[in-house]
Protein backbone atom coordinates (compact mmCIF):
# COMPACT_ATOMS: atom_id res chain seq x y z
CA MET A 1 -21.81 -2.02 21.96
CA SER A 2 -21.24 -5.61 21.78
CA LEU A 3 -17.28 -7.39 21.61
CA GLN A 4 -18.50 -8.58 18.11
CA GLU A 5 -18.79 -4.95 17.01
CA ARG A 6 -15.65 -3.66 18.54
CA ILE A 7 -13.48 -6.18 17.08
CA PRO A 8 -12.58 -4.03 14.16
CA GLU A 9 -11.37 -1.27 16.48
CA LEU A 10 -9.27 -3.62 18.80
CA THR A 11 -5.76 -2.64 18.37
CA ASP A 12 -3.36 -5.99 17.06
CA VAL A 13 -2.23 -6.39 20.81
CA GLU A 14 -5.65 -6.65 21.92
CA LEU A 15 -6.86 -8.43 19.28
CA ALA A 16 -4.07 -11.42 19.76
CA ASN A 17 -5.17 -11.24 23.59
CA LEU A 18 -8.58 -11.83 22.71
CA ARG A 19 -7.90 -14.58 20.48
CA ALA A 20 -5.85 -16.63 23.00
CA ASN A 21 -8.41 -16.03 25.81
CA ALA A 22 -11.29 -17.25 23.30
CA THR A 23 -9.15 -20.14 22.57
CA ARG A 24 -8.41 -20.98 26.16
CA LEU A 25 -12.27 -20.51 27.20
CA GLU A 26 -13.53 -22.66 24.28
CA THR A 27 -11.58 -25.81 25.87
CA ALA A 28 -11.64 -24.87 29.69
CA GLY A 29 -14.66 -22.67 30.44
CA THR A 30 -17.96 -23.00 31.38
CA PRO A 31 -20.69 -24.26 29.10
CA ARG A 32 -21.80 -20.57 28.32
CA GLN A 33 -18.00 -19.48 28.18
CA GLN A 34 -17.31 -22.25 25.30
CA THR A 35 -20.42 -21.11 23.30
CA ASP A 36 -19.37 -17.44 23.36
CA ALA A 37 -15.68 -18.46 22.50
CA ALA A 38 -16.62 -20.70 19.72
CA ALA A 39 -19.21 -17.57 18.17
CA LEU A 40 -16.32 -15.07 18.83
CA LEU A 41 -13.18 -17.18 17.54
CA PRO A 42 -14.34 -17.05 13.50
CA LEU A 43 -14.93 -13.33 13.84
CA VAL A 44 -11.56 -12.70 15.43
CA ASP A 45 -9.64 -14.86 12.70
CA ALA A 46 -11.42 -13.06 10.06
CA GLU A 47 -10.63 -9.80 11.30
CA LEU A 48 -6.57 -11.17 11.50
CA ALA A 49 -6.71 -12.40 8.13
CA ARG A 50 -8.21 -8.98 7.09
CA ARG A 51 -5.46 -7.20 8.74
CA ARG A 52 -2.61 -9.44 7.33
CA GLU A 53 -4.24 -9.08 3.71
CA ALA A 54 -4.07 -5.25 4.27
CA ALA A 55 -0.59 -4.95 5.25
CA SER A 56 0.61 -7.26 2.50
CA ALA A 57 -1.25 -5.04 0.15
CA ARG A 58 0.50 -2.04 1.45
CA LYS A 59 3.99 -3.54 1.38
CA ALA A 60 3.23 -4.45 -2.15
CA ALA A 61 2.27 -0.78 -3.24
CA VAL A 62 5.03 0.48 -1.43
CA ALA A 63 7.46 -1.55 -3.07
CA ARG A 64 5.83 -0.79 -6.57
CA ALA A 65 5.91 2.85 -5.83
CA ALA A 66 9.63 3.31 -4.49
CA PRO A 67 12.04 4.32 -7.44
CA ARG A 68 14.95 1.73 -7.36
CA LYS A 69 18.35 3.32 -6.77
CA ALA A 70 20.63 3.05 -9.91
CA PRO A 71 24.05 1.70 -8.66
CA ALA A 72 26.51 3.69 -7.60
CA LYS A 73 29.49 4.31 -10.19
CA ARG A 74 32.90 3.66 -8.64
CA ALA A 75 35.44 5.93 -9.04
CA ALA A 76 38.40 4.34 -11.45
CA LYS A 77 41.91 3.16 -9.62
CA ALA A 78 44.74 5.77 -10.13
CA LYS A 79 47.21 3.88 -12.48
CA PRO A 80 50.90 4.65 -11.23
CA PRO A 81 52.73 6.63 -13.95
CA VAL A 82 54.75 4.41 -16.30
CA ALA A 83 58.36 5.53 -15.97
């Protein structure tokens, strides 16, 4: 299985590390590493964008589904007896 095929299976931390390494190799690697990194970065960025979008959609769905609590009624202050 190639690295490109494994991208969807990587954890968020692994994906962030892969992106950092590819970014570094794109500028400081050998010509082969630079070529591989340049091909890999768009795939990593697309996966990161997909995950951000999915997380945003989950948050929106949870916010819509969560019932709103009614404001708590405050107890009326006891008035001192009038003498």
